Amino acid sequence: MFKMIDAHIHLDHYNDGEIKQIMNDSLLIDKVITVSCNLESCKRNLKLARKYQKVKAAFGYHPEQALPSENQVLELLNWMNDHQNEMAAIGEVGLPYYLRQQNQVSESQHEQYLNILEIFIQKAAVWGKPIVLHAIYDDAPIVCDLLEKYSIKKAHFHWFKGDPKTITRMIENGYFISVTPEIVYKEKIRNIVHMYPLEQMMIETDGPWPFEGPFSGKMTHPNMMSESIKEISNIKKLSLEEVSDTLWRNTISFYELENR
């Protein structure tokens, strides 16, 4: 039996009944970091964090959606500034990789997404907050450039996918990654876990995103992370106890949850 922290979940995307179920039957789930997609998402996550002690909220604007207007960005930033004390991190923010793959983002629009991300990274530096990033494949080096520009150390690349050169750079910079239950059936994720130090790793579900393999057809639940721990333990050739304890301590330290 070991405690787990879901380092990245969209709790606000579950309905009230599902949230209650997750909170009630997740005896092994110590805490969850629920990330936000926009202002309304931030507001719902804040309500959930106020209702459930184990829920900690991150605030931001998810990049895999239409560009916000300048007024929307300003309104969101002002709201985040007003709720700094209840904000565990800035996130989820990043670049629209999947929208670009679908040819839904022009070059000029991509520059706008990049400008918005830079604002969030600046705020992370000013507010002294960790930042949760949606930055995979070719976008990851671009995001690393910005993080280095503002000397950001507490960067969390959730569900990361990328090349060995970028992985080495991220490790040297002290950035963290988090691993989803996909590790159970995806070799590319296992390869990344093999390369990445356990001391810079966390686990997540990205729920309610659905998973395949043994999780096919099931509601994504933080309890699924126990299977991720088993797979990480096999890859690292370490005991379940050592792996689970390290992952838990990593997340507590990264998000400064000891007294939250």
C-alpha atoms as a PDB file:
ATOM      1  CA  MET A   1       0.000   0.000   0.000  1.00  0.00           C
ATOM      2  CA  PHE A   2       1.491   3.336  -1.014  1.00  0.00           C
ATOM      3  CA  LYS A   3       0.365   6.942  -1.352  1.00  0.00           C
ATOM      4  CA  MET A   4       0.096   8.473  -4.801  1.00  0.00           C
ATOM      5  CA  ILE A   5      -0.295  12.003  -6.155  1.00  0.00           C
ATOM      6  CA  ASP A   6      -1.903  12.613  -9.525  1.00  0.00           C
ATOM      7  CA  ALA A   7       0.357  15.383 -10.808  1.00  0.00           C
ATOM      8  CA  HIS A   8      -1.889  16.277 -13.750  1.00  0.00           C
ATOM      9  CA  ILE A   9      -5.643  15.769 -14.037  1.00  0.00           C
ATOM     10  CA  HIS A  10      -8.495  17.838 -15.505  1.00  0.00           C
ATOM     11  CA  LEU A  11     -10.812  17.285 -12.577  1.00  0.00           C
ATOM     12  CA  ASP A  12     -13.165  20.010 -13.767  1.00  0.00           C
ATOM     13  CA  HIS A  13     -13.905  17.939 -16.902  1.00  0.00           C
ATOM     14  CA  TYR A  14     -15.538  15.193 -14.825  1.00  0.00           C
ATOM     15  CA  ASN A  15     -19.167  15.498 -13.785  1.00  0.00           C
ATOM     16  CA  ASP A  16     -20.077  16.000 -10.133  1.00  0.00           C
ATOM     17  CA  GLY A  17     -20.897  12.334  -9.589  1.00  0.00           C
ATOM     18  CA  GLU A  18     -17.580  11.190 -11.048  1.00  0.00           C
ATOM     19  CA  ILE A  19     -15.641  13.704  -8.955  1.00  0.00           C
ATOM     20  CA  LYS A  20     -17.381  12.511  -5.804  1.00  0.00           C
ATOM     21  CA  GLN A  21     -16.563   8.914  -6.741  1.00  0.00           C
ATOM     22  CA  ILE A  22     -12.883   9.763  -7.324  1.00  0.00           C
ATOM     23  CA  MET A  23     -12.653  11.613  -4.025  1.00  0.00           C
ATOM     24  CA  ASN A  24     -14.451   8.914  -2.030  1.00  0.00           C
ATOM     25  CA  ASP A  25     -12.768   5.758  -3.316  1.00  0.00           C
ATOM     26  CA  SER A  26      -9.244   7.058  -3.853  1.00  0.00           C
ATOM     27  CA  LEU A  27      -7.915   6.064  -0.443  1.00  0.00           C
ATOM     28  CA  LEU A  28      -4.384   5.798  -1.810  1.00  0.00           C
ATOM     29  CA  ILE A  29      -4.570   9.174  -3.573  1.00  0.00           C
ATOM     30  CA  ASP A  30      -2.942  11.702  -1.286  1.00  0.00           C
ATOM     31  CA  LYS A  31      -3.456  14.729  -3.546  1.00  0.00           C
ATOM     32  CA  VAL A  32      -4.308  15.687  -7.125  1.00  0.00           C
ATOM     33  CA  ILE A  33      -3.118  18.659  -9.157  1.00  0.00           C
ATOM     34  CA  THR A  34      -6.043  19.744 -11.313  1.00  0.00           C
ATOM     35  CA  VAL A  35      -5.007  21.899 -14.279  1.00  0.00           C
ATOM     36  CA  SER A  36      -7.152  24.475 -16.051  1.00  0.00           C
ATOM     37  CA  CYS A  37      -7.972  25.232 -19.681  1.00  0.00           C
ATOM     38  CA  ASN A  38      -9.410  28.772 -19.499  1.00  0.00           C
ATOM     39  CA  LEU A  39     -10.946  31.216 -17.019  1.00  0.00           C
ATOM     40  CA  GLU A  40     -14.151  29.244 -16.476  1.00  0.00           C
ATOM     41  CA  SER A  41     -12.084  26.090 -15.982  1.00  0.00           C
ATOM     42  CA  CYS A  42      -9.925  27.970 -13.445  1.00  0.00           C
ATOM     43  CA  LYS A  43     -13.003  29.040 -11.509  1.00  0.00           C
ATOM     44  CA  ARG A  44     -14.412  25.511 -11.326  1.00  0.00           C
ATOM     45  CA  ASN A  45     -11.061  24.083 -10.263  1.00  0.00           C
ATOM     46  CA  LEU A  46     -10.777  26.713  -7.544  1.00  0.00           C
ATOM     47  CA  LYS A  47     -14.199  25.671  -6.217  1.00  0.00           C
ATOM     48  CA  LEU A  48     -13.094  22.029  -6.217  1.00  0.00           C
ATOM     49  CA  ALA A  49      -9.877  22.916  -4.374  1.00  0.00           C
ATOM     50  CA  ARG A  50     -11.902  24.767  -1.756  1.00  0.00           C
ATOM     51  CA  LYS A  51     -14.288  21.824  -1.386  1.00  0.00           C
ATOM     52  CA  TYR A  52     -11.768  18.973  -1.262  1.00  0.00           C
ATOM     53  CA  GLN A  53      -8.603  19.238   0.811  1.00  0.00           C
ATOM     54  CA  LYS A  54      -6.657  16.859  -1.420  1.00  0.00           C
ATOM     55  CA  VAL A  55      -7.324  18.945  -4.578  1.00  0.00           C
ATOM     56  CA  LYS A  56      -4.766  21.607  -5.543  1.00  0.00           C
ATOM     57  CA  ALA A  57      -5.490  23.839  -8.530  1.00  0.00           C
ATOM     58  CA  ALA A  58      -3.291  25.154 -11.326  1.00  0.00           C
ATOM     59  CA  PHE A  59      -4.525  28.050 -13.468  1.00  0.00           C
ATOM     60  CA  GLY A  60      -3.807  28.750 -17.128  1.00  0.00           C
ATOM     61  CA  TYR A  61      -4.945  28.557 -20.765  1.00  0.00           C
ATOM     62  CA  HIS A  62      -4.607  25.264 -22.634  1.00  0.00           C
ATOM     63  CA  PRO A  63      -3.007  25.787 -26.066  1.00  0.00           C
ATOM     64  CA  GLU A  64      -4.994  23.144 -27.959  1.00  0.00           C
ATOM     65  CA  GLN A  65      -7.942  25.503 -28.479  1.00  0.00           C
ATOM     66  CA  ALA A  66      -8.725  28.741 -30.311  1.00  0.00           C
ATOM     67  CA  LEU A  67      -6.573  31.740 -29.526  1.00  0.00           C
ATOM     68  CA  PRO A  68      -7.981  33.949 -26.782  1.00  0.00           C
ATOM     69  CA  SER A  69      -8.477  37.657 -27.401  1.00  0.00           C
ATOM     70  CA  GLU A  70      -6.209  40.189 -25.698  1.00  0.00           C
ATOM     71  CA  ASN A  71      -9.037  41.037 -23.317  1.00  0.00           C
ATOM     72  CA  GLN A  72      -9.523  37.356 -22.433  1.00  0.00           C
ATOM     73  CA  VAL A  73      -5.820  36.952 -21.679  1.00  0.00           C
ATOM     74  CA  LEU A  74      -5.812  40.113 -19.551  1.00  0.00           C
ATOM     75  CA  GLU A  75      -8.939  39.034 -17.657  1.00  0.00           C
ATOM     76  CA  LEU A  76      -7.422  35.605 -16.973  1.00  0.00           C
ATOM     77  CA  LEU A  77      -4.100  37.052 -15.793  1.00  0.00           C
ATOM     78  CA  ASN A  78      -5.839  39.542 -13.516  1.00  0.00           C
ATOM     79  CA  TRP A  79      -7.942  36.752 -12.023  1.00  0.00           C
ATOM     80  CA  MET A  80      -4.856  34.588 -11.515  1.00  0.00           C
ATOM     81  CA  ASN A  81      -3.076  37.481  -9.838  1.00  0.00           C
ATOM     82  CA  ASP A  82      -5.999  37.895  -7.450  1.00  0.00           C
ATOM     83  CA  HIS A  83      -5.897  34.179  -6.555  1.00  0.00           C
ATOM     84  CA  GLN A  84      -2.147  33.616  -6.273  1.00  0.00           C
ATOM     85  CA  ASN A  85      -2.429  32.269  -2.750  1.00  0.00           C
ATOM     86  CA  GLU A  86      -4.730  29.469  -3.917  1.00  0.00           C
ATOM     87  CA  MET A  87      -2.744  28.659  -7.078  1.00  0.00           C
ATOM     88  CA  ALA A  88      -0.485  25.622  -6.866  1.00  0.00           C
ATOM     89  CA  ALA A  89       1.013  26.337 -10.294  1.00  0.00           C
ATOM     90  CA  ILE A  90       0.507  27.987 -13.670  1.00  0.00           C
ATOM     91  CA  GLY A  91      -0.963  25.491 -16.077  1.00  0.00           C
ATOM     92  CA  GLU A  92      -1.830  23.973 -18.329  1.00  0.00           C
ATOM     93  CA  VAL A  93      -0.008  26.190 -20.820  1.00  0.00           C
ATOM     94  CA  GLY A  94       2.153  25.528 -23.852  1.00  0.00           C
ATOM     95  CA  LEU A  95       1.997  25.299 -27.642  1.00  0.00           C
ATOM     96  CA  PRO A  96      -0.675  23.807 -29.956  1.00  0.00           C
ATOM     97  CA  TYR A  97       1.169  20.788 -31.374  1.00  0.00           C
ATOM     98  CA  TYR A  98      -1.916  18.783 -32.359  1.00  0.00           C
ATOM     99  CA  LEU A  99      -3.750  21.756 -33.878  1.00  0.00           C
ATOM    100  CA  ARG A 100      -0.679  22.436 -36.021  1.00  0.00           C
ATOM    101  CA  GLN A 101      -0.610  18.806 -37.137  1.00  0.00           C
ATOM    102  CA  GLN A 102      -4.208  19.271 -38.287  1.00  0.00           C
ATOM    103  CA  ASN A 103      -3.238  22.466 -40.191  1.00  0.00           C
ATOM    104  CA  GLN A 104      -5.516  24.546 -37.986  1.00  0.00           C
ATOM    105  CA  VAL A 105      -2.823  27.002 -36.898  1.00  0.00           C
ATOM    106  CA  SER A 106      -1.107  29.458 -39.254  1.00  0.00           C
ATOM    107  CA  GLU A 107       2.427  30.757 -38.754  1.00  0.00           C
ATOM    108  CA  SER A 108       1.142  34.103 -37.500  1.00  0.00           C
ATOM    109  CA  GLN A 109      -1.234  32.368 -35.108  1.00  0.00           C
ATOM    110  CA  HIS A 110       1.578  30.188 -33.839  1.00  0.00           C
ATOM    111  CA  GLU A 111       3.520  33.352 -33.007  1.00  0.00           C
ATOM    112  CA  GLN A 112       0.539  34.545 -30.986  1.00  0.00           C
ATOM    113  CA  TYR A 113       0.412  31.266 -29.055  1.00  0.00           C
ATOM    114  CA  LEU A 114       4.129  31.642 -28.426  1.00  0.00           C
ATOM    115  CA  ASN A 115       3.659  35.209 -27.170  1.00  0.00           C
ATOM    116  CA  ILE A 116       0.925  34.095 -24.770  1.00  0.00           C
ATOM    117  CA  LEU A 117       3.119  31.276 -23.474  1.00  0.00           C
ATOM    118  CA  GLU A 118       5.953  33.733 -22.890  1.00  0.00           C
ATOM    119  CA  ILE A 119       3.613  35.885 -20.791  1.00  0.00           C
ATOM    120  CA  PHE A 120       2.747  32.877 -18.625  1.00  0.00           C
ATOM    121  CA  ILE A 121       6.430  32.012 -18.251  1.00  0.00           C
ATOM    122  CA  GLN A 122       7.163  35.607 -17.239  1.00  0.00           C
ATOM    123  CA  LYS A 123       4.403  35.373 -14.640  1.00  0.00           C
ATOM    124  CA  ALA A 124       5.840  32.117 -13.317  1.00  0.00           C
ATOM    125  CA  ALA A 125       9.112  33.976 -12.708  1.00  0.00           C
ATOM    126  CA  VAL A 126       7.423  36.994 -11.075  1.00  0.00           C
ATOM    127  CA  TRP A 127       4.995  34.994  -8.943  1.00  0.00           C
ATOM    128  CA  GLY A 128       7.491  32.276  -8.054  1.00  0.00           C
ATOM    129  CA  LYS A 129       5.159  29.491  -9.211  1.00  0.00           C
ATOM    130  CA  PRO A 130       5.858  26.133 -10.889  1.00  0.00           C
ATOM    131  CA  ILE A 131       4.643  25.899 -14.485  1.00  0.00           C
ATOM    132  CA  VAL A 132       2.833  22.939 -16.079  1.00  0.00           C
ATOM    133  CA  LEU A 133       3.595  22.546 -19.768  1.00  0.00           C
ATOM    134  CA  HIS A 134       1.959  21.041 -22.826  1.00  0.00           C
ATOM    135  CA  ALA A 135       5.110  20.901 -24.964  1.00  0.00           C
ATOM    136  CA  ILE A 136       5.922  17.802 -26.960  1.00  0.00           C
ATOM    137  CA  TYR A 137       8.100  16.765 -29.892  1.00  0.00           C
ATOM    138  CA  ASP A 138       9.285  19.805 -31.903  1.00  0.00           C
ATOM    139  CA  ASP A 139       7.681  22.273 -29.492  1.00  0.00           C
ATOM    140  CA  ALA A 140       9.733  21.167 -26.495  1.00  0.00           C
ATOM    141  CA  PRO A 141      13.051  22.809 -27.526  1.00  0.00           C
ATOM    142  CA  ILE A 142      11.206  26.080 -28.226  1.00  0.00           C
ATOM    143  CA  VAL A 143       9.694  25.985 -24.752  1.00  0.00           C
ATOM    144  CA  CYS A 144      13.083  25.145 -23.240  1.00  0.00           C
ATOM    145  CA  ASP A 145      14.468  28.308 -24.876  1.00  0.00           C
ATOM    146  CA  LEU A 146      11.825  30.408 -23.119  1.00  0.00           C
ATOM    147  CA  LEU A 147      12.295  28.686 -19.774  1.00  0.00           C
ATOM    148  CA  GLU A 148      16.037  29.305 -19.976  1.00  0.00           C
ATOM    149  CA  LYS A 149      15.454  32.938 -20.998  1.00  0.00           C
ATOM    150  CA  TYR A 150      13.573  33.590 -17.756  1.00  0.00           C
ATOM    151  CA  SER A 151      15.669  31.219 -15.609  1.00  0.00           C
ATOM    152  CA  ILE A 152      12.672  29.022 -14.781  1.00  0.00           C
ATOM    153  CA  LYS A 153      13.707  25.935 -12.811  1.00  0.00           C
ATOM    154  CA  LYS A 154      10.357  24.488 -11.728  1.00  0.00           C
ATOM    155  CA  ALA A 155       9.034  23.301 -15.091  1.00  0.00           C
ATOM    156  CA  HIS A 156       6.785  20.254 -15.386  1.00  0.00           C
ATOM    157  CA  PHE A 157       6.451  18.730 -18.881  1.00  0.00           C
ATOM    158  CA  HIS A 158       3.362  16.566 -18.568  1.00  0.00           C
ATOM    159  CA  TRP A 159       2.958  13.410 -20.724  1.00  0.00           C
ATOM    160  CA  PHE A 160       6.215  14.301 -22.449  1.00  0.00           C
ATOM    161  CA  LYS A 161       7.225  12.891 -25.819  1.00  0.00           C
ATOM    162  CA  GLY A 162      10.432  13.997 -27.510  1.00  0.00           C
ATOM    163  CA  ASP A 163      13.898  13.234 -28.852  1.00  0.00           C
ATOM    164  CA  PRO A 164      16.970  12.192 -26.813  1.00  0.00           C
ATOM    165  CA  LYS A 165      18.736  15.536 -27.330  1.00  0.00           C
ATOM    166  CA  THR A 166      15.818  17.447 -25.814  1.00  0.00           C
ATOM    167  CA  ILE A 167      15.488  14.893 -23.029  1.00  0.00           C
ATOM    168  CA  THR A 168      19.156  15.396 -22.110  1.00  0.00           C
ATOM    169  CA  ARG A 169      18.674  19.165 -22.110  1.00  0.00           C
ATOM    170  CA  MET A 170      15.604  18.899 -19.869  1.00  0.00           C
ATOM    171  CA  ILE A 171      17.395  16.611 -17.434  1.00  0.00           C
ATOM    172  CA  GLU A 172      20.386  18.971 -17.206  1.00  0.00           C
ATOM    173  CA  ASN A 173      18.044  21.914 -16.563  1.00  0.00           C
ATOM    174  CA  GLY A 174      16.332  20.048 -13.737  1.00  0.00           C
ATOM    175  CA  TYR A 175      12.918  19.922 -15.419  1.00  0.00           C
ATOM    176  CA  PHE A 176      10.385  17.290 -14.398  1.00  0.00           C
ATOM    177  CA  ILE A 177       8.213  14.987 -16.463  1.00  0.00           C
ATOM    178  CA  SER A 178       5.117  13.017 -15.491  1.00  0.00           C
ATOM    179  CA  VAL A 179       4.125   9.595 -16.764  1.00  0.00           C
ATOM    180  CA  THR A 180       0.610   8.438 -17.625  1.00  0.00           C
ATOM    181  CA  PRO A 181      -0.839   4.898 -17.557  1.00  0.00           C
ATOM    182  CA  GLU A 182       0.094   4.745 -21.247  1.00  0.00           C
ATOM    183  CA  ILE A 183       3.470   3.444 -20.052  1.00  0.00           C
ATOM    184  CA  VAL A 184       1.827   0.049 -19.622  1.00  0.00           C
ATOM    185  CA  TYR A 185       1.380  -0.408 -23.380  1.00  0.00           C
ATOM    186  CA  LYS A 186       3.558   2.198 -25.176  1.00  0.00           C
ATOM    187  CA  GLU A 187       7.223   1.426 -25.805  1.00  0.00           C
ATOM    188  CA  LYS A 188       8.133   5.064 -26.552  1.00  0.00           C
ATOM    189  CA  ILE A 189       7.007   6.087 -23.069  1.00  0.00           C
ATOM    190  CA  ARG A 190       8.957   3.242 -21.486  1.00  0.00           C
ATOM    191  CA  ASN A 191      12.063   4.381 -23.397  1.00  0.00           C
ATOM    192  CA  ILE A 192      11.706   7.929 -22.026  1.00  0.00           C
ATOM    193  CA  VAL A 193      11.295   6.578 -18.489  1.00  0.00           C
ATOM    194  CA  HIS A 194      14.431   4.502 -18.979  1.00  0.00           C
ATOM    195  CA  MET A 195      16.387   7.658 -19.876  1.00  0.00           C
ATOM    196  CA  TYR A 196      14.886  10.037 -17.319  1.00  0.00           C
ATOM    197  CA  PRO A 197      16.079  10.108 -13.687  1.00  0.00           C
ATOM    198  CA  LEU A 198      13.485   8.866 -11.227  1.00  0.00           C
ATOM    199  CA  GLU A 199      14.347  11.895  -9.060  1.00  0.00           C
ATOM    200  CA  GLN A 200      12.855  14.181 -11.763  1.00  0.00           C
ATOM    201  CA  MET A 201       9.710  12.181 -12.392  1.00  0.00           C
ATOM    202  CA  MET A 202       6.059  12.249 -11.317  1.00  0.00           C
ATOM    203  CA  ILE A 203       2.946  10.286 -12.293  1.00  0.00           C
ATOM    204  CA  GLU A 204      -0.362  11.515 -13.698  1.00  0.00           C
ATOM    205  CA  THR A 205      -3.544  10.442 -15.442  1.00  0.00           C
ATOM    206  CA  ASP A 206      -4.439  13.507 -17.555  1.00  0.00           C
ATOM    207  CA  GLY A 207      -7.985  12.337 -16.805  1.00  0.00           C
ATOM    208  CA  PRO A 208     -10.587  12.158 -18.078  1.00  0.00           C
ATOM    209  CA  TRP A 209      -8.503  11.371 -21.175  1.00  0.00           C
ATOM    210  CA  PRO A 210      -9.220   7.676 -21.915  1.00  0.00           C
ATOM    211  CA  PHE A 211      -6.534   5.011 -22.135  1.00  0.00           C
ATOM    212  CA  GLU A 212      -6.198   1.817 -24.128  1.00  0.00           C
ATOM    213  CA  GLY A 213      -4.748  -1.592 -23.301  1.00  0.00           C
ATOM    214  CA  PRO A 214      -5.971  -2.890 -19.924  1.00  0.00           C
ATOM    215  CA  PHE A 215      -7.760   0.431 -19.295  1.00  0.00           C
ATOM    216  CA  SER A 216      -9.861   0.342 -22.468  1.00  0.00           C
ATOM    217  CA  GLY A 217     -13.476   1.326 -21.857  1.00  0.00           C
ATOM    218  CA  LYS A 218     -12.828   2.419 -18.267  1.00  0.00           C
ATOM    219  CA  MET A 219     -13.253   5.871 -16.774  1.00  0.00           C
ATOM    220  CA  THR A 220      -9.794   7.299 -16.186  1.00  0.00           C
ATOM    221  CA  HIS A 221      -9.201   7.204 -12.447  1.00  0.00           C
ATOM    222  CA  PRO A 222      -6.129   8.143 -10.372  1.00  0.00           C
ATOM    223  CA  ASN A 223      -6.010   4.578  -9.039  1.00  0.00           C
ATOM    224  CA  MET A 224      -4.722   3.583 -12.495  1.00  0.00           C
ATOM    225  CA  MET A 225      -1.393   5.117 -11.521  1.00  0.00           C
ATOM    226  CA  SER A 226      -0.572   2.050  -9.440  1.00  0.00           C
ATOM    227  CA  GLU A 227       0.026   0.237 -12.739  1.00  0.00           C
ATOM    228  CA  SER A 228       2.339   3.054 -13.844  1.00  0.00           C
ATOM    229  CA  ILE A 229       4.361   2.631 -10.658  1.00  0.00           C
ATOM    230  CA  LYS A 230       4.722  -1.100 -11.315  1.00  0.00           C
ATOM    231  CA  GLU A 231       6.003  -0.445 -14.835  1.00  0.00           C
ATOM    232  CA  ILE A 232       8.438   2.246 -13.666  1.00  0.00           C
ATOM    233  CA  SER A 233       9.657  -0.155 -10.977  1.00  0.00           C
ATOM    234  CA  ASN A 234      10.340  -2.818 -13.618  1.00  0.00           C
ATOM    235  CA  ILE A 235      12.175  -0.367 -15.874  1.00  0.00           C
ATOM    236  CA  LYS A 236      14.297   1.135 -13.106  1.00  0.00           C
ATOM    237  CA  LYS A 237      14.852  -2.251 -11.437  1.00  0.00           C
ATOM    238  CA  LEU A 238      13.867  -0.797  -8.072  1.00  0.00           C
ATOM    239  CA  SER A 239      11.337  -1.896  -5.488  1.00  0.00           C
ATOM    240  CA  LEU A 240       7.750  -0.683  -5.662  1.00  0.00           C
ATOM    241  CA  GLU A 241       8.213   0.950  -2.284  1.00  0.00           C
ATOM    242  CA  GLU A 242      11.276   2.934  -3.355  1.00  0.00           C
ATOM    243  CA  VAL A 243       9.688   4.043  -6.637  1.00  0.00           C
ATOM    244  CA  SER A 244       6.357   5.039  -5.119  1.00  0.00           C
ATOM    245  CA  ASP A 245       8.012   6.903  -2.242  1.00  0.00           C
ATOM    246  CA  THR A 246      10.352   8.788  -4.594  1.00  0.00           C
ATOM    247  CA  LEU A 247       7.521   9.781  -6.943  1.00  0.00           C
ATOM    248  CA  TRP A 248       5.430  10.973  -4.002  1.00  0.00           C
ATOM    249  CA  ARG A 249       8.287  12.981  -2.493  1.00  0.00           C
ATOM    250  CA  ASN A 250       9.169  14.472  -5.889  1.00  0.00           C
ATOM    251  CA  THR A 251       5.649  15.814  -6.301  1.00  0.00           C
ATOM    252  CA  ILE A 252       5.387  17.087  -2.735  1.00  0.00           C
ATOM    253  CA  SER A 253       8.662  18.968  -3.190  1.00  0.00           C
ATOM    254  CA  PHE A 254       8.003  20.270  -6.714  1.00  0.00           C
ATOM    255  CA  TYR A 255       4.567  21.674  -5.850  1.00  0.00           C
ATOM    256  CA  GLU A 256       5.510  22.633  -2.284  1.00  0.00           C
ATOM    257  CA  LEU A 257       2.607  20.611  -0.903  1.00  0.00           C
ATOM    258  CA  GLU A 258       4.036  19.818   2.514  1.00  0.00           C
ATOM    259  CA  ASN A 259       1.966  22.501   4.227  1.00  0.00           C
ATOM    260  CA  ARG A 260      -0.827  22.924   1.664  1.00  0.00           C
END
